[in-house]
């Protein structure tokens, strides 16, 4: 049975609990950082922190390593070169914050790939672009939750 992990978009949009996950679920530390940073209050952040520690203790926490960071940098470079080609030499500007969100998505994808975990996402377009440069397995959330 293969592992899978959720992108932040899935947890937020579907209001999923990290306490009630299937046994082949593993959690990305990057996703947890995103959840903690946008927590509504301190009690919610502390609950996320407790979950983080529990997943860490259970060895079910995907933490990007040095190779993941290096591959993520390469993929970000390739994605920007792709935008430059599409703009015929001009690098098309991204909306504010888009580059940072994309970098975090790249880290999720490359670190999940190392675990051979499938990434379930609502953010299909970005992950599909990332997949061109990294053989991460991605699944549309609608398809995943239908079955």
N, C-alpha and C. Protein backbone atom coordinates (compact mmCIF):
# COMPACT_ATOMS: atom_id res chain seq x y z
N UNK A 1 0.85 -1.18 0.00
CA UNK A 1 0.00 0.00 0.00
C UNK A 1 0.90 1.24 0.00
N UNK A 2 0.76 2.08 -1.02
CA UNK A 2 1.64 3.26 -1.12
C UNK A 2 1.24 4.34 -0.11
N UNK A 3 2.25 5.11 0.27
CA UNK A 3 2.01 6.27 1.11
C UNK A 3 1.37 7.38 0.29
N UNK A 4 0.69 8.28 0.98
CA UNK A 4 0.21 9.50 0.34
C UNK A 4 0.29 10.61 1.37
N UNK A 5 0.32 11.84 0.86
CA UNK A 5 0.32 13.02 1.72
C UNK A 5 -0.58 14.07 1.09
N UNK A 6 -1.09 14.95 1.92
CA UNK A 6 -1.94 16.03 1.42
C UNK A 6 -1.13 17.30 1.26
N UNK A 7 -1.41 18.02 0.20
CA UNK A 7 -0.94 19.39 0.05
C UNK A 7 -1.79 20.24 1.01
N UNK A 8 -1.27 21.38 1.38
CA UNK A 8 -1.98 22.29 2.30
C UNK A 8 -3.37 22.63 1.76
N UNK A 9 -3.48 22.80 0.45
CA UNK A 9 -4.77 23.17 -0.15
C UNK A 9 -5.86 22.16 0.17
N UNK A 10 -5.52 20.90 0.27
CA UNK A 10 -6.50 19.85 0.56
C UNK A 10 -6.96 19.94 2.01
N UNK A 11 -6.02 20.09 2.92
CA UNK A 11 -6.37 20.16 4.35
C UNK A 11 -7.25 21.37 4.62
N UNK A 12 -6.90 22.51 4.03
CA UNK A 12 -7.65 23.74 4.27
C UNK A 12 -9.03 23.68 3.61
N UNK A 13 -9.07 23.36 2.33
CA UNK A 13 -10.35 23.41 1.61
C UNK A 13 -11.34 22.35 2.07
N UNK A 14 -10.84 21.21 2.49
CA UNK A 14 -11.72 20.12 2.92
C UNK A 14 -11.85 20.02 4.44
N UNK A 15 -11.22 20.98 5.14
CA UNK A 15 -11.29 21.06 6.60
C UNK A 15 -10.98 19.69 7.25
N UNK A 16 -9.87 19.10 6.83
CA UNK A 16 -9.48 17.79 7.32
C UNK A 16 -8.76 17.88 8.66
N UNK A 17 -8.96 16.87 9.46
CA UNK A 17 -8.29 16.76 10.75
C UNK A 17 -7.04 15.91 10.57
N UNK A 18 -5.98 16.28 11.23
CA UNK A 18 -4.75 15.48 11.18
C UNK A 18 -4.79 14.33 12.18
N UNK A 19 -5.86 14.25 12.95
CA UNK A 19 -6.00 13.18 13.94
C UNK A 19 -6.75 11.98 13.37
N UNK A 20 -7.46 12.18 12.29
CA UNK A 20 -8.26 11.11 11.70
C UNK A 20 -7.81 10.88 10.26
N UNK A 21 -6.63 10.31 10.11
CA UNK A 21 -6.09 10.05 8.77
C UNK A 21 -5.90 8.55 8.59
N UNK A 22 -5.99 8.08 7.35
CA UNK A 22 -5.75 6.65 7.08
C UNK A 22 -4.33 6.25 7.48
N UNK A 23 -4.11 4.98 7.69
CA UNK A 23 -2.80 4.54 8.21
C UNK A 23 -1.65 4.71 7.22
N UNK A 24 -1.91 4.85 5.93
CA UNK A 24 -0.83 5.04 4.97
C UNK A 24 -0.58 6.53 4.67
N UNK A 25 -1.11 7.40 5.52
CA UNK A 25 -0.90 8.84 5.39
C UNK A 25 0.38 9.24 6.11
N UNK A 26 1.19 10.08 5.44
CA UNK A 26 2.34 10.70 6.08
C UNK A 26 2.22 12.21 5.88
N UNK A 27 2.76 12.95 6.81
CA UNK A 27 2.57 14.40 6.83
C UNK A 27 3.84 15.12 6.42
N UNK A 28 3.69 16.12 5.57
CA UNK A 28 4.82 16.95 5.16
C UNK A 28 5.07 18.04 6.19
N UNK A 29 6.32 18.18 6.61
CA UNK A 29 6.69 19.25 7.53
C UNK A 29 6.44 20.62 6.90
N UNK A 30 6.56 20.69 5.57
CA UNK A 30 6.30 21.95 4.86
C UNK A 30 4.82 22.32 4.99
N UNK A 31 3.95 21.34 4.83
CA UNK A 31 2.50 21.58 4.98
C UNK A 31 2.21 22.03 6.41
N UNK A 32 2.85 21.38 7.36
CA UNK A 32 2.62 21.75 8.76
C UNK A 32 3.07 23.18 9.03
N UNK A 33 4.19 23.59 8.43
CA UNK A 33 4.66 24.97 8.59
C UNK A 33 3.62 25.94 8.03
N UNK A 34 3.07 25.62 6.85
CA UNK A 34 2.06 26.49 6.26
C UNK A 34 0.81 26.56 7.14
N UNK A 35 0.40 25.43 7.69
CA UNK A 35 -0.78 25.42 8.56
C UNK A 35 -0.54 26.23 9.83
N UNK A 36 0.63 26.04 10.44
CA UNK A 36 0.94 26.77 11.67
C UNK A 36 1.02 28.27 11.42
N UNK A 37 1.59 28.65 10.30
CA UNK A 37 1.78 30.08 10.03
C UNK A 37 0.47 30.81 9.80
N UNK A 38 -0.57 30.09 9.38
CA UNK A 38 -1.85 30.76 9.15
C UNK A 38 -2.92 30.31 10.16
N UNK A 39 -2.47 29.76 11.29
CA UNK A 39 -3.42 29.33 12.33
C UNK A 39 -4.21 30.54 12.84
N UNK A 40 -5.46 30.30 13.14
CA UNK A 40 -6.36 31.38 13.58
C UNK A 40 -5.95 31.96 14.93
N UNK A 41 -5.36 31.15 15.80
CA UNK A 41 -4.96 31.62 17.13
C UNK A 41 -3.89 30.71 17.71
N UNK A 42 -3.40 31.07 18.89
CA UNK A 42 -2.32 30.30 19.53
C UNK A 42 -2.73 28.88 19.87
N UNK A 43 -3.97 28.68 20.26
CA UNK A 43 -4.39 27.33 20.62
C UNK A 43 -4.37 26.42 19.38
N UNK A 44 -4.77 26.93 18.25
CA UNK A 44 -4.74 26.15 17.00
C UNK A 44 -3.30 25.86 16.60
N UNK A 45 -2.43 26.87 16.72
CA UNK A 45 -1.02 26.66 16.41
C UNK A 45 -0.41 25.60 17.31
N UNK A 46 -0.74 25.64 18.59
CA UNK A 46 -0.21 24.66 19.54
C UNK A 46 -0.73 23.26 19.23
N UNK A 47 -1.97 23.17 18.78
CA UNK A 47 -2.53 21.86 18.38
C UNK A 47 -1.75 21.31 17.18
N UNK A 48 -1.45 22.19 16.22
CA UNK A 48 -0.64 21.76 15.08
C UNK A 48 0.74 21.32 15.54
N UNK A 49 1.30 22.05 16.49
CA UNK A 49 2.63 21.69 17.00
C UNK A 49 2.61 20.32 17.66
N UNK A 50 1.56 20.02 18.41
CA UNK A 50 1.42 18.69 19.03
C UNK A 50 1.32 17.61 17.95
N UNK A 51 0.55 17.89 16.91
CA UNK A 51 0.43 16.93 15.80
C UNK A 51 1.79 16.72 15.13
N UNK A 52 2.50 17.81 14.91
CA UNK A 52 3.83 17.74 14.31
C UNK A 52 4.71 16.79 15.13
N UNK A 53 4.74 16.98 16.44
CA UNK A 53 5.58 16.15 17.33
C UNK A 53 5.14 14.68 17.27
N UNK A 54 3.83 14.45 17.20
CA UNK A 54 3.33 13.07 17.16
C UNK A 54 3.74 12.39 15.85
N UNK A 55 3.57 13.08 14.73
CA UNK A 55 4.00 12.51 13.44
C UNK A 55 5.51 12.28 13.43
N UNK A 56 6.24 13.18 14.04
CA UNK A 56 7.70 13.05 14.12
C UNK A 56 8.06 11.80 14.94
N UNK A 57 7.41 11.65 16.09
CA UNK A 57 7.66 10.51 16.97
C UNK A 57 7.31 9.18 16.28
N UNK A 58 6.24 9.20 15.48
CA UNK A 58 5.79 7.99 14.77
C UNK A 58 6.57 7.74 13.48
N UNK A 59 7.56 8.58 13.18
CA UNK A 59 8.35 8.51 11.96
C UNK A 59 7.46 8.58 10.71
N UNK A 60 6.48 9.46 10.77
CA UNK A 60 5.55 9.68 9.66
C UNK A 60 5.57 11.13 9.21
N UNK A 61 6.71 11.79 9.39
CA UNK A 61 6.86 13.19 9.03
C UNK A 61 7.89 13.31 7.91
N UNK A 62 7.48 13.88 6.79
CA UNK A 62 8.37 14.09 5.65
C UNK A 62 9.07 15.43 5.85
N UNK A 63 10.37 15.39 6.06
CA UNK A 63 11.15 16.61 6.26
C UNK A 63 12.13 16.73 5.09
N UNK A 64 12.09 17.85 4.36
CA UNK A 64 13.03 18.00 3.24
C UNK A 64 14.48 17.90 3.72
N UNK A 65 15.27 17.12 2.98
CA UNK A 65 16.69 17.02 3.31
C UNK A 65 17.51 17.87 2.34
N UNK A 66 18.83 17.77 2.43
CA UNK A 66 19.71 18.61 1.61
C UNK A 66 19.47 18.39 0.12
N UNK A 67 19.32 17.13 -0.28
CA UNK A 67 19.09 16.83 -1.69
C UNK A 67 17.76 17.38 -2.17
N UNK A 68 16.75 17.35 -1.31
CA UNK A 68 15.44 17.92 -1.66
C UNK A 68 15.55 19.42 -1.92
N UNK A 69 16.30 20.11 -1.07
CA UNK A 69 16.47 21.56 -1.25
C UNK A 69 17.20 21.85 -2.55
N UNK A 70 18.21 21.06 -2.86
CA UNK A 70 18.97 21.27 -4.09
C UNK A 70 18.09 21.02 -5.32
N UNK A 71 17.34 19.94 -5.31
CA UNK A 71 16.45 19.64 -6.43
C UNK A 71 15.35 20.71 -6.54
N UNK A 72 14.84 21.17 -5.41
CA UNK A 72 13.81 22.22 -5.43
C UNK A 72 14.36 23.49 -6.09
N UNK A 73 15.59 23.85 -5.77
CA UNK A 73 16.20 25.04 -6.38
C UNK A 73 16.32 24.86 -7.89
N UNK A 74 16.73 23.68 -8.31
CA UNK A 74 16.86 23.39 -9.75
C UNK A 74 15.50 23.50 -10.43
N UNK A 75 14.47 22.94 -9.82
CA UNK A 75 13.13 22.98 -10.41
C UNK A 75 12.62 24.42 -10.47
N UNK A 76 12.85 25.20 -9.43
CA UNK A 76 12.43 26.61 -9.46
C UNK A 76 13.13 27.34 -10.60
N UNK A 77 14.42 27.06 -10.80
CA UNK A 77 15.15 27.67 -11.91
C UNK A 77 14.53 27.27 -13.24
N UNK A 78 14.26 25.97 -13.41
CA UNK A 78 13.69 25.49 -14.67
C UNK A 78 12.30 26.07 -14.93
N UNK A 79 11.50 26.21 -13.88
CA UNK A 79 10.17 26.81 -14.04
C UNK A 79 10.29 28.28 -14.45
N UNK A 80 11.26 28.99 -13.88
CA UNK A 80 11.42 30.40 -14.28
C UNK A 80 11.94 30.50 -15.71
N UNK A 81 12.80 29.58 -16.13
CA UNK A 81 13.27 29.56 -17.51
C UNK A 81 12.12 29.27 -18.47
N UNK A 82 11.23 28.42 -18.05
CA UNK A 82 10.04 28.11 -18.85
C UNK A 82 9.17 29.36 -19.02
N UNK A 83 8.99 30.10 -17.93
CA UNK A 83 8.22 31.36 -18.02
C UNK A 83 8.92 32.37 -18.93
N UNK A 84 10.25 32.38 -18.88
CA UNK A 84 11.02 33.30 -19.73
C UNK A 84 10.84 32.93 -21.21
N UNK A 85 10.86 31.62 -21.51
CA UNK A 85 10.65 31.19 -22.90
C UNK A 85 9.25 31.56 -23.37
N UNK A 86 8.26 31.35 -22.50
CA UNK A 86 6.88 31.69 -22.86
C UNK A 86 6.73 33.19 -23.10
N UNK A 87 7.52 33.99 -22.39
CA UNK A 87 7.49 35.44 -22.55
C UNK A 87 8.45 35.95 -23.60
N UNK A 88 9.01 35.03 -24.39
CA UNK A 88 9.97 35.38 -25.46
C UNK A 88 11.11 36.24 -24.94
N UNK A 89 11.74 35.74 -23.90
CA UNK A 89 12.90 36.43 -23.35
C UNK A 89 12.61 37.28 -22.13
N UNK A 90 11.35 37.65 -21.93
CA UNK A 90 10.98 38.44 -20.75
C UNK A 90 10.41 37.49 -19.70
N UNK A 91 10.86 37.68 -18.48
CA UNK A 91 10.35 36.85 -17.39
C UNK A 91 9.04 37.44 -16.88
N UNK A 92 7.97 36.72 -17.13
CA UNK A 92 6.63 37.17 -16.70
C UNK A 92 6.57 37.19 -15.18
N UNK A 93 6.13 38.31 -14.65
CA UNK A 93 6.01 38.45 -13.19
C UNK A 93 4.88 37.60 -12.66
N UNK A 94 5.10 37.05 -11.50
CA UNK A 94 4.07 36.29 -10.82
C UNK A 94 3.35 37.21 -9.85
N UNK A 95 2.11 36.87 -9.50
CA UNK A 95 1.41 37.67 -8.49
C UNK A 95 2.18 37.64 -7.17
N UNK A 96 1.99 38.66 -6.31
CA UNK A 96 2.70 38.69 -5.03
C UNK A 96 2.48 37.40 -4.23
N UNK A 97 3.58 36.84 -3.75
CA UNK A 97 3.53 35.63 -2.93
C UNK A 97 3.50 34.34 -3.72
N UNK A 98 3.25 34.41 -5.03
CA UNK A 98 3.12 33.19 -5.84
C UNK A 98 4.44 32.41 -5.91
N UNK A 99 5.54 33.10 -6.01
CA UNK A 99 6.84 32.43 -6.10
C UNK A 99 7.14 31.67 -4.81
N UNK A 100 6.82 32.27 -3.67
CA UNK A 100 7.06 31.60 -2.39
C UNK A 100 6.16 30.37 -2.24
N UNK A 101 4.89 30.51 -2.62
CA UNK A 101 3.96 29.37 -2.53
C UNK A 101 4.42 28.24 -3.46
N UNK A 102 4.88 28.61 -4.64
CA UNK A 102 5.37 27.62 -5.59
C UNK A 102 6.60 26.91 -5.03
N UNK A 103 7.50 27.65 -4.42
CA UNK A 103 8.71 27.04 -3.83
C UNK A 103 8.33 26.03 -2.75
N UNK A 104 7.34 26.35 -1.94
CA UNK A 104 6.90 25.41 -0.91
C UNK A 104 6.26 24.18 -1.54
N UNK A 105 5.48 24.37 -2.61
CA UNK A 105 4.89 23.23 -3.31
C UNK A 105 5.97 22.34 -3.92
N UNK A 106 7.03 22.95 -4.44
CA UNK A 106 8.13 22.17 -4.99
C UNK A 106 8.78 21.34 -3.89
N UNK A 107 9.00 21.94 -2.72
CA UNK A 107 9.58 21.19 -1.60
C UNK A 107 8.68 20.04 -1.16
N UNK A 108 7.37 20.26 -1.16
CA UNK A 108 6.44 19.19 -0.82
C UNK A 108 6.59 18.05 -1.83
N UNK A 109 6.60 18.39 -3.10
CA UNK A 109 6.67 17.37 -4.16
C UNK A 109 7.98 16.57 -4.11
N UNK A 110 9.11 17.27 -4.01
CA UNK A 110 10.39 16.55 -4.07
C UNK A 110 10.63 15.71 -2.81
N UNK A 111 10.20 16.20 -1.66
CA UNK A 111 10.40 15.41 -0.44
C UNK A 111 9.42 14.22 -0.39
N UNK A 112 8.21 14.39 -0.90
CA UNK A 112 7.25 13.27 -0.98
C UNK A 112 7.78 12.21 -1.94
N UNK A 113 8.39 12.66 -3.02
CA UNK A 113 8.97 11.74 -4.01
C UNK A 113 10.01 10.84 -3.36
N UNK A 114 10.82 11.40 -2.47
CA UNK A 114 11.84 10.60 -1.79
C UNK A 114 11.21 9.49 -0.95
N UNK A 115 10.05 9.75 -0.39
CA UNK A 115 9.32 8.75 0.40
C UNK A 115 8.47 7.84 -0.49
N UNK A 116 8.45 8.13 -1.78
CA UNK A 116 7.57 7.44 -2.74
C UNK A 116 6.10 7.61 -2.35
N UNK A 117 5.80 8.80 -1.87
CA UNK A 117 4.42 9.12 -1.44
C UNK A 117 3.72 9.91 -2.55
N UNK A 118 2.47 9.63 -2.74
CA UNK A 118 1.64 10.36 -3.69
C UNK A 118 1.18 11.66 -3.03
N UNK A 119 1.18 12.75 -3.79
CA UNK A 119 0.74 14.03 -3.27
C UNK A 119 -0.69 14.28 -3.75
N UNK A 120 -1.61 14.41 -2.80
CA UNK A 120 -3.00 14.73 -3.11
C UNK A 120 -3.14 16.24 -3.04
N UNK A 121 -3.66 16.85 -4.11
CA UNK A 121 -3.70 18.31 -4.16
C UNK A 121 -4.95 18.85 -4.84
N UNK A 122 -5.33 20.05 -4.42
CA UNK A 122 -6.36 20.83 -5.11
C UNK A 122 -5.68 21.78 -6.10
N UNK A 123 -4.37 21.93 -5.94
CA UNK A 123 -3.57 22.87 -6.72
C UNK A 123 -2.92 22.15 -7.90
N UNK A 124 -3.75 21.60 -8.76
CA UNK A 124 -3.31 20.72 -9.84
C UNK A 124 -2.32 21.38 -10.80
N UNK A 125 -2.59 22.58 -11.25
CA UNK A 125 -1.75 23.22 -12.28
C UNK A 125 -0.30 23.37 -11.82
N UNK A 126 -0.10 23.87 -10.59
CA UNK A 126 1.27 24.05 -10.10
C UNK A 126 1.99 22.71 -9.95
N UNK A 127 1.31 21.73 -9.38
CA UNK A 127 1.96 20.44 -9.18
C UNK A 127 2.22 19.73 -10.51
N UNK A 128 1.36 19.93 -11.48
CA UNK A 128 1.58 19.35 -12.81
C UNK A 128 2.83 19.98 -13.45
N UNK A 129 3.01 21.28 -13.28
CA UNK A 129 4.21 21.96 -13.79
C UNK A 129 5.45 21.42 -13.08
N UNK A 130 5.38 21.24 -11.78
CA UNK A 130 6.50 20.71 -11.00
C UNK A 130 6.83 19.30 -11.46
N UNK A 131 5.80 18.52 -11.74
CA UNK A 131 5.98 17.12 -12.13
C UNK A 131 6.79 16.97 -13.42
N UNK A 132 6.77 17.98 -14.28
CA UNK A 132 7.57 17.92 -15.51
C UNK A 132 9.06 17.80 -15.22
N UNK A 133 9.49 18.28 -14.06
CA UNK A 133 10.91 18.29 -13.72
C UNK A 133 11.26 17.35 -12.56
N UNK A 134 10.27 16.66 -12.05
CA UNK A 134 10.48 15.76 -10.91
C UNK A 134 9.40 14.69 -11.01
N UNK A 135 9.75 13.47 -10.93
CA UNK A 135 8.78 12.41 -11.15
C UNK A 135 7.92 12.11 -9.91
N UNK A 136 7.48 13.15 -9.26
CA UNK A 136 6.57 12.98 -8.12
C UNK A 136 5.22 12.49 -8.64
N UNK A 137 4.54 11.71 -7.84
CA UNK A 137 3.21 11.24 -8.19
C UNK A 137 2.20 12.17 -7.56
N UNK A 138 1.31 12.73 -8.39
CA UNK A 138 0.29 13.64 -7.87
C UNK A 138 -1.09 13.10 -8.23
N UNK A 139 -2.04 13.42 -7.38
CA UNK A 139 -3.42 12.97 -7.56
C UNK A 139 -4.34 14.16 -7.31
N UNK A 140 -5.32 14.34 -8.18
CA UNK A 140 -6.32 15.37 -7.93
C UNK A 140 -7.14 14.97 -6.72
N UNK A 141 -7.37 15.94 -5.84
CA UNK A 141 -8.11 15.67 -4.61
C UNK A 141 -9.51 15.11 -4.92
N UNK A 142 -10.18 15.68 -5.91
CA UNK A 142 -11.53 15.21 -6.26
C UNK A 142 -11.51 13.72 -6.62
N UNK A 143 -10.51 13.31 -7.35
CA UNK A 143 -10.38 11.90 -7.74
C UNK A 143 -10.06 11.03 -6.52
N UNK A 144 -9.16 11.52 -5.68
CA UNK A 144 -8.73 10.76 -4.50
C UNK A 144 -9.90 10.52 -3.54
N UNK A 145 -10.70 11.55 -3.30
CA UNK A 145 -11.77 11.44 -2.32
C UNK A 145 -13.03 10.79 -2.89
N UNK A 146 -13.07 10.65 -4.22
CA UNK A 146 -14.21 9.98 -4.84
C UNK A 146 -14.17 8.48 -4.54
N UNK A 147 -12.96 7.93 -4.48
CA UNK A 147 -12.83 6.48 -4.27
C UNK A 147 -12.86 6.07 -2.83
